[in-house]
N, C-alpha and C. Protein backbone atom coordinates (compact mmCIF):
# COMPACT_ATOMS: atom_id res chain seq x y z
N GLY A 1 89.25 159.79 34.04
CA GLY A 1 88.93 161.08 33.59
C GLY A 1 87.59 161.64 33.99
N GLN A 2 86.81 161.02 34.86
CA GLN A 2 85.50 161.56 35.23
C GLN A 2 85.54 162.41 36.49
N GLY A 3 86.72 162.64 37.02
CA GLY A 3 86.82 163.46 38.22
C GLY A 3 86.41 162.75 39.49
N VAL A 4 86.39 161.43 39.45
CA VAL A 4 86.04 160.66 40.64
C VAL A 4 87.26 160.53 41.53
N GLU A 5 87.07 160.84 42.78
CA GLU A 5 88.14 160.75 43.76
C GLU A 5 87.65 159.84 44.89
N VAL A 6 88.46 158.89 45.28
CA VAL A 6 88.09 157.95 46.33
C VAL A 6 88.80 158.33 47.62
N ALA A 7 88.04 158.35 48.70
CA ALA A 7 88.61 158.63 50.02
C ALA A 7 88.19 157.50 50.96
N ARG A 8 89.11 157.03 51.74
CA ARG A 8 88.83 155.91 52.64
C ARG A 8 88.70 156.39 54.08
N ILE A 9 87.65 155.90 54.72
CA ILE A 9 87.40 156.19 56.13
C ILE A 9 87.12 154.87 56.83
N THR A 10 87.02 154.90 58.15
CA THR A 10 86.77 153.67 58.91
C THR A 10 85.64 153.89 59.90
N LEU A 11 84.71 152.95 59.94
CA LEU A 11 83.72 152.85 61.01
C LEU A 11 83.76 151.41 61.48
N ASP A 12 84.07 151.21 62.74
CA ASP A 12 84.12 149.86 63.30
C ASP A 12 82.70 149.42 63.63
N VAL A 13 82.11 148.69 62.71
CA VAL A 13 80.71 148.29 62.81
C VAL A 13 80.53 147.29 63.95
N GLY A 14 79.56 147.58 64.80
CA GLY A 14 79.23 146.69 65.90
C GLY A 14 77.98 145.89 65.60
N VAL A 15 77.72 144.89 66.41
CA VAL A 15 76.56 144.04 66.21
C VAL A 15 75.26 144.84 66.31
N GLY A 16 75.29 145.96 67.04
CA GLY A 16 74.10 146.80 67.18
C GLY A 16 73.60 147.35 65.86
N THR A 17 74.47 147.46 64.88
CA THR A 17 74.07 147.94 63.55
C THR A 17 72.96 147.07 62.98
N PHE A 18 72.99 145.79 63.30
CA PHE A 18 72.05 144.84 62.72
C PHE A 18 70.89 144.51 63.65
N ARG A 19 70.86 145.15 64.82
CA ARG A 19 69.78 144.91 65.77
C ARG A 19 68.52 145.63 65.30
N PRO A 20 67.38 144.96 65.23
CA PRO A 20 66.16 145.64 64.79
C PRO A 20 65.65 146.63 65.83
N VAL A 21 64.92 147.61 65.34
CA VAL A 21 64.25 148.56 66.23
C VAL A 21 63.00 147.86 66.75
N GLU A 22 62.91 147.70 68.06
CA GLU A 22 61.83 146.92 68.66
C GLU A 22 60.81 147.78 69.40
N VAL A 23 60.93 149.09 69.29
CA VAL A 23 59.97 150.00 69.92
C VAL A 23 59.12 150.64 68.83
N ASP A 24 57.90 151.03 69.19
CA ASP A 24 57.01 151.64 68.21
C ASP A 24 57.48 153.02 67.78
N ASP A 25 58.05 153.76 68.71
CA ASP A 25 58.55 155.10 68.41
C ASP A 25 60.07 155.02 68.23
N PRO A 26 60.57 155.20 67.00
CA PRO A 26 62.02 155.10 66.78
C PRO A 26 62.83 156.05 67.66
N ALA A 27 62.25 157.15 68.09
CA ALA A 27 62.97 158.09 68.96
C ALA A 27 63.35 157.44 70.29
N GLU A 28 62.65 156.38 70.66
CA GLU A 28 62.94 155.68 71.92
C GLU A 28 64.01 154.60 71.76
N HIS A 29 64.41 154.33 70.53
CA HIS A 29 65.44 153.31 70.28
C HIS A 29 66.79 153.80 70.79
N VAL A 30 67.49 152.96 71.52
CA VAL A 30 68.83 153.31 72.00
C VAL A 30 69.83 152.86 70.95
N MET A 31 70.49 153.83 70.36
CA MET A 31 71.46 153.54 69.30
C MET A 31 72.80 153.16 69.92
N HIS A 32 73.40 152.15 69.39
CA HIS A 32 74.73 151.70 69.82
C HIS A 32 75.78 152.73 69.38
N ALA A 33 76.90 152.71 70.03
CA ALA A 33 78.01 153.59 69.65
C ALA A 33 79.08 152.78 68.94
N GLU A 34 79.69 153.40 67.95
CA GLU A 34 80.77 152.78 67.19
C GLU A 34 81.90 153.78 67.04
N THR A 35 83.11 153.27 66.89
CA THR A 35 84.25 154.16 66.69
C THR A 35 84.47 154.38 65.21
N TYR A 36 84.98 155.56 64.89
CA TYR A 36 85.26 155.90 63.49
C TYR A 36 86.57 156.66 63.40
N ASP A 37 87.08 156.71 62.18
CA ASP A 37 88.28 157.49 61.90
C ASP A 37 88.16 158.09 60.52
N VAL A 38 88.30 159.40 60.45
CA VAL A 38 88.33 160.13 59.19
C VAL A 38 89.72 160.72 59.05
N PRO A 39 90.59 160.08 58.25
CA PRO A 39 91.94 160.63 58.07
C PRO A 39 91.88 162.02 57.44
N ALA A 40 92.91 162.81 57.68
CA ALA A 40 92.96 164.17 57.13
C ALA A 40 92.81 164.16 55.62
N ALA A 41 93.42 163.21 54.93
CA ALA A 41 93.33 163.15 53.47
C ALA A 41 91.89 162.93 53.02
N ALA A 42 91.13 162.12 53.76
CA ALA A 42 89.73 161.88 53.41
C ALA A 42 88.89 163.12 53.66
N ALA A 43 89.08 163.77 54.80
CA ALA A 43 88.35 165.00 55.09
C ALA A 43 88.66 166.05 54.03
N ASP A 44 89.93 166.17 53.65
CA ASP A 44 90.31 167.13 52.61
C ASP A 44 89.63 166.81 51.29
N ALA A 45 89.55 165.54 50.92
CA ALA A 45 88.91 165.15 49.67
C ALA A 45 87.43 165.50 49.67
N VAL A 46 86.75 165.21 50.77
CA VAL A 46 85.32 165.54 50.87
C VAL A 46 85.12 167.05 50.83
N ASN A 47 85.90 167.78 51.58
CA ASN A 47 85.76 169.23 51.62
C ASN A 47 86.08 169.87 50.27
N ARG A 48 87.07 169.33 49.58
CA ARG A 48 87.42 169.83 48.25
C ARG A 48 86.27 169.57 47.26
N ALA A 49 85.71 168.38 47.30
CA ALA A 49 84.59 168.05 46.41
C ALA A 49 83.42 169.00 46.65
N ARG A 50 83.11 169.24 47.91
CA ARG A 50 82.00 170.14 48.23
C ARG A 50 82.30 171.55 47.74
N ALA A 51 83.52 172.02 47.95
CA ALA A 51 83.91 173.38 47.54
C ALA A 51 83.85 173.53 46.02
N GLU A 52 84.11 172.44 45.30
CA GLU A 52 84.09 172.47 43.84
C GLU A 52 82.72 172.14 43.26
N GLY A 53 81.74 171.94 44.11
CA GLY A 53 80.38 171.66 43.64
C GLY A 53 80.18 170.24 43.15
N ARG A 54 81.08 169.34 43.49
CA ARG A 54 80.92 167.94 43.11
C ARG A 54 80.13 167.20 44.18
N ARG A 55 79.49 166.12 43.77
CA ARG A 55 78.72 165.31 44.71
C ARG A 55 79.65 164.48 45.59
N VAL A 56 79.25 164.34 46.83
CA VAL A 56 79.92 163.41 47.75
C VAL A 56 79.04 162.17 47.82
N TRP A 57 79.57 161.07 47.29
CA TRP A 57 78.88 159.79 47.31
C TRP A 57 79.36 158.99 48.51
N ALA A 58 78.43 158.45 49.25
CA ALA A 58 78.76 157.52 50.34
C ALA A 58 78.48 156.12 49.82
N VAL A 59 79.48 155.26 49.89
CA VAL A 59 79.28 153.86 49.51
C VAL A 59 79.02 153.09 50.80
N GLY A 60 77.75 153.00 51.13
CA GLY A 60 77.32 152.30 52.33
C GLY A 60 76.80 153.24 53.40
N THR A 61 75.87 152.73 54.18
CA THR A 61 75.29 153.51 55.27
C THR A 61 76.31 153.82 56.35
N THR A 62 77.31 152.96 56.51
CA THR A 62 78.34 153.23 57.51
C THR A 62 79.15 154.47 57.14
N VAL A 63 79.34 154.68 55.85
CA VAL A 63 80.05 155.89 55.40
C VAL A 63 79.20 157.12 55.69
N VAL A 64 77.89 157.02 55.44
CA VAL A 64 77.00 158.14 55.75
C VAL A 64 77.10 158.48 57.23
N ARG A 65 76.98 157.47 58.07
CA ARG A 65 77.00 157.70 59.52
C ARG A 65 78.32 158.33 59.96
N THR A 66 79.41 157.88 59.38
CA THR A 66 80.72 158.42 59.74
C THR A 66 80.85 159.87 59.29
N LEU A 67 80.56 160.14 58.02
CA LEU A 67 80.73 161.51 57.51
C LEU A 67 79.78 162.48 58.20
N GLU A 68 78.56 162.06 58.44
CA GLU A 68 77.62 162.95 59.12
C GLU A 68 78.04 163.17 60.58
N SER A 69 78.65 162.18 61.19
CA SER A 69 79.14 162.35 62.56
C SER A 69 80.31 163.32 62.62
N ALA A 70 81.09 163.36 61.55
CA ALA A 70 82.27 164.23 61.49
C ALA A 70 81.98 165.57 60.83
N ALA A 71 80.73 165.80 60.43
CA ALA A 71 80.39 167.02 59.69
C ALA A 71 80.06 168.18 60.62
N GLU A 72 80.49 169.34 60.19
CA GLU A 72 80.10 170.59 60.85
C GLU A 72 78.75 171.03 60.28
N ASP A 73 78.14 172.06 60.87
CA ASP A 73 76.85 172.54 60.38
C ASP A 73 76.89 172.98 58.93
N ASP A 74 78.05 173.49 58.48
CA ASP A 74 78.17 173.96 57.10
C ASP A 74 78.47 172.84 56.11
N GLY A 75 78.55 171.61 56.59
CA GLY A 75 78.81 170.47 55.72
C GLY A 75 80.27 170.08 55.60
N SER A 76 81.15 170.91 56.12
CA SER A 76 82.57 170.54 56.06
C SER A 76 82.81 169.38 57.02
N VAL A 77 83.75 168.54 56.65
CA VAL A 77 84.06 167.35 57.44
C VAL A 77 85.39 167.57 58.15
N ARG A 78 85.38 167.33 59.45
CA ARG A 78 86.61 167.49 60.23
C ARG A 78 87.31 166.14 60.35
N PRO A 79 88.62 166.13 60.23
CA PRO A 79 89.36 164.87 60.37
C PRO A 79 89.44 164.46 61.83
N GLY A 80 89.68 163.19 62.04
CA GLY A 80 89.90 162.71 63.40
C GLY A 80 89.14 161.44 63.69
N ALA A 81 89.41 160.92 64.87
CA ALA A 81 88.76 159.70 65.34
C ALA A 81 87.78 160.06 66.44
N GLY A 82 86.78 159.22 66.61
CA GLY A 82 85.81 159.46 67.67
C GLY A 82 84.85 158.30 67.79
N ARG A 83 83.82 158.53 68.60
CA ARG A 83 82.74 157.55 68.76
C ARG A 83 81.45 158.25 68.37
N THR A 84 80.57 157.48 67.75
CA THR A 84 79.29 158.06 67.36
C THR A 84 78.15 157.14 67.76
N ASP A 85 77.08 157.76 68.23
CA ASP A 85 75.82 157.05 68.44
C ASP A 85 74.72 157.74 67.64
N LEU A 86 75.12 158.40 66.56
CA LEU A 86 74.18 159.12 65.70
C LEU A 86 73.17 158.15 65.10
N PHE A 87 71.89 158.44 65.29
CA PHE A 87 70.80 157.63 64.75
C PHE A 87 70.11 158.48 63.70
N ILE A 88 70.38 158.20 62.45
CA ILE A 88 69.83 158.99 61.35
C ILE A 88 68.50 158.38 60.94
N ARG A 89 67.45 159.19 61.06
CA ARG A 89 66.10 158.78 60.69
C ARG A 89 65.35 160.04 60.28
N PRO A 90 64.23 159.89 59.56
CA PRO A 90 63.48 161.10 59.18
C PRO A 90 63.00 161.85 60.42
N PRO A 91 63.00 163.14 60.42
CA PRO A 91 63.53 164.04 59.39
C PRO A 91 64.96 164.48 59.75
N TYR A 92 65.92 164.02 59.06
CA TYR A 92 67.32 164.36 59.33
C TYR A 92 67.81 165.26 58.20
N ARG A 93 68.57 166.30 58.55
CA ARG A 93 69.15 167.20 57.55
C ARG A 93 70.59 166.77 57.30
N PHE A 94 70.82 166.22 56.11
CA PHE A 94 72.16 165.77 55.75
C PHE A 94 73.04 166.96 55.44
N ARG A 95 74.27 166.90 55.93
CA ARG A 95 75.19 168.01 55.77
C ARG A 95 76.36 167.69 54.86
N ALA A 96 76.84 166.45 54.87
CA ALA A 96 78.08 166.13 54.17
C ALA A 96 77.90 165.22 52.95
N VAL A 97 76.81 164.47 52.90
CA VAL A 97 76.64 163.45 51.87
C VAL A 97 75.55 163.87 50.89
N ASP A 98 75.83 163.70 49.59
CA ASP A 98 74.88 164.08 48.54
C ASP A 98 74.23 162.90 47.84
N ALA A 99 74.86 161.74 47.86
CA ALA A 99 74.35 160.56 47.16
C ALA A 99 74.81 159.32 47.92
N LEU A 100 74.03 158.25 47.79
CA LEU A 100 74.27 157.04 48.57
C LEU A 100 74.15 155.81 47.69
N LEU A 101 75.12 154.93 47.79
CA LEU A 101 75.05 153.60 47.18
C LEU A 101 74.96 152.61 48.33
N THR A 102 73.88 151.85 48.37
CA THR A 102 73.66 150.93 49.50
C THR A 102 72.86 149.73 49.04
N ASN A 103 72.85 148.70 49.87
CA ASN A 103 72.05 147.52 49.56
C ASN A 103 70.64 147.71 50.11
N PHE A 104 69.80 146.71 49.91
CA PHE A 104 68.44 146.74 50.41
C PHE A 104 68.44 146.16 51.83
N HIS A 105 68.02 146.98 52.78
CA HIS A 105 68.10 146.62 54.19
C HIS A 105 66.81 145.98 54.68
N LEU A 106 66.90 145.34 55.83
CA LEU A 106 65.75 144.64 56.40
C LEU A 106 64.78 145.60 57.07
N PRO A 107 63.49 145.22 57.12
CA PRO A 107 62.50 146.05 57.81
C PRO A 107 62.88 146.27 59.27
N ARG A 108 62.44 147.39 59.80
CA ARG A 108 62.65 147.76 61.21
C ARG A 108 64.12 147.91 61.58
N SER A 109 64.96 148.13 60.58
CA SER A 109 66.38 148.33 60.87
C SER A 109 66.72 149.82 60.87
N THR A 110 67.71 150.17 61.67
CA THR A 110 68.18 151.56 61.67
C THR A 110 68.75 151.92 60.31
N LEU A 111 69.27 150.94 59.59
CA LEU A 111 69.85 151.19 58.27
C LEU A 111 68.76 151.59 57.28
N LEU A 112 67.62 150.91 57.31
CA LEU A 112 66.51 151.28 56.43
C LEU A 112 65.99 152.67 56.79
N MET A 113 65.95 153.00 58.07
CA MET A 113 65.51 154.33 58.49
C MET A 113 66.45 155.40 57.96
N LEU A 114 67.75 155.12 57.97
CA LEU A 114 68.72 156.06 57.41
C LEU A 114 68.45 156.27 55.92
N VAL A 115 68.23 155.18 55.19
CA VAL A 115 67.96 155.29 53.75
C VAL A 115 66.68 156.09 53.51
N CYS A 116 65.64 155.87 54.33
CA CYS A 116 64.39 156.63 54.19
C CYS A 116 64.61 158.11 54.49
N ALA A 117 65.45 158.41 55.46
CA ALA A 117 65.77 159.81 55.75
C ALA A 117 66.47 160.44 54.56
N PHE A 118 67.30 159.67 53.89
CA PHE A 118 68.08 160.19 52.77
C PHE A 118 67.23 160.35 51.51
N GLY A 119 66.47 159.31 51.17
CA GLY A 119 65.75 159.31 49.90
C GLY A 119 64.30 159.68 49.98
N GLY A 120 63.76 159.82 51.18
CA GLY A 120 62.34 160.08 51.34
C GLY A 120 61.59 158.77 51.49
N TYR A 121 60.74 158.70 52.48
CA TYR A 121 60.06 157.45 52.82
C TYR A 121 59.30 156.86 51.64
N GLU A 122 58.44 157.65 51.00
CA GLU A 122 57.60 157.12 49.92
C GLU A 122 58.45 156.63 48.75
N ARG A 123 59.44 157.39 48.38
CA ARG A 123 60.30 157.01 47.25
C ARG A 123 61.07 155.73 47.55
N VAL A 124 61.60 155.62 48.75
CA VAL A 124 62.34 154.41 49.12
C VAL A 124 61.40 153.21 49.18
N MET A 125 60.19 153.38 49.71
CA MET A 125 59.25 152.27 49.78
C MET A 125 58.83 151.82 48.37
N ARG A 126 58.71 152.75 47.42
CA ARG A 126 58.44 152.36 46.02
C ARG A 126 59.57 151.50 45.49
N ALA A 127 60.80 151.90 45.77
CA ALA A 127 61.96 151.12 45.32
C ALA A 127 61.95 149.73 45.97
N TYR A 128 61.58 149.67 47.23
CA TYR A 128 61.54 148.38 47.93
C TYR A 128 60.44 147.49 47.38
N ARG A 129 59.28 148.07 47.06
CA ARG A 129 58.21 147.26 46.46
C ARG A 129 58.68 146.68 45.13
N HIS A 130 59.36 147.50 44.33
CA HIS A 130 59.91 147.03 43.06
C HIS A 130 60.93 145.91 43.31
N ALA A 131 61.79 146.08 44.30
CA ALA A 131 62.81 145.08 44.61
C ALA A 131 62.17 143.75 45.01
N VAL A 132 61.11 143.81 45.80
CA VAL A 132 60.41 142.58 46.20
C VAL A 132 59.75 141.94 44.99
N ASP A 133 59.06 142.75 44.17
CA ASP A 133 58.38 142.23 42.98
C ASP A 133 59.34 141.56 42.02
N GLU A 134 60.55 142.09 41.93
CA GLU A 134 61.54 141.57 40.98
C GLU A 134 62.53 140.59 41.62
N ALA A 135 62.27 140.21 42.87
CA ALA A 135 63.09 139.24 43.60
C ALA A 135 64.55 139.67 43.73
N TYR A 136 64.77 140.95 44.01
CA TYR A 136 66.13 141.42 44.29
C TYR A 136 66.62 140.79 45.58
N GLY A 137 67.93 140.71 45.71
CA GLY A 137 68.53 140.20 46.93
C GLY A 137 68.59 141.29 47.98
N PHE A 138 68.28 140.94 49.21
CA PHE A 138 68.30 141.89 50.32
C PHE A 138 69.49 141.60 51.23
N TYR A 139 69.79 142.57 52.06
CA TYR A 139 70.77 142.48 53.14
C TYR A 139 72.19 142.59 52.59
N SER A 140 73.14 142.22 53.37
CA SER A 140 74.54 142.55 53.10
C SER A 140 75.10 141.98 51.80
N TYR A 141 74.56 140.88 51.32
CA TYR A 141 75.10 140.28 50.09
C TYR A 141 74.10 140.34 48.95
N GLY A 142 73.16 141.26 49.04
CA GLY A 142 72.14 141.37 48.02
C GLY A 142 72.44 142.42 46.98
N ASP A 143 71.40 142.87 46.33
CA ASP A 143 71.52 143.90 45.30
C ASP A 143 71.70 145.27 45.94
N ALA A 144 72.08 146.23 45.11
CA ALA A 144 72.33 147.58 45.61
C ALA A 144 71.46 148.58 44.86
N MET A 145 71.35 149.76 45.44
CA MET A 145 70.63 150.86 44.79
C MET A 145 71.39 152.16 45.02
N ALA A 146 71.21 153.06 44.07
CA ALA A 146 71.77 154.41 44.20
C ALA A 146 70.64 155.33 44.60
N VAL A 147 70.88 156.14 45.61
CA VAL A 147 69.89 157.10 46.09
C VAL A 147 70.50 158.49 45.92
N VAL A 148 69.89 159.29 45.04
CA VAL A 148 70.42 160.64 44.79
C VAL A 148 69.33 161.68 44.97
């Protein structure tokens, strides 16, 4: 009864997702490409939520990357399959996603840069300092955080 609707999409995660950024300027990092699929039912669910003023939650950075890759400038999501090499980092203007549930990522990762673009660098770093102080688990099998 809370109006939560689940939509399933696919991003075929490659090993490049976990490759650290090894250049000083992130703009020089070569982002790997991955294939994705946004079924029509999923695009319809996202577009309906946006039209009704509901939040679109991404469960995982891969969902963010997929939806943002499939998003039009107005935030609507188009269905279909494709390849993306979208590298989300500050300052990125999010179009399709309003909230993010994700784990704590490793330093110098494209995933952490995406989270910083979403939540703001200072705010995310405060959360990370708290996570370290409290011995939260990091990486794929660690603790999670909600970024809104």
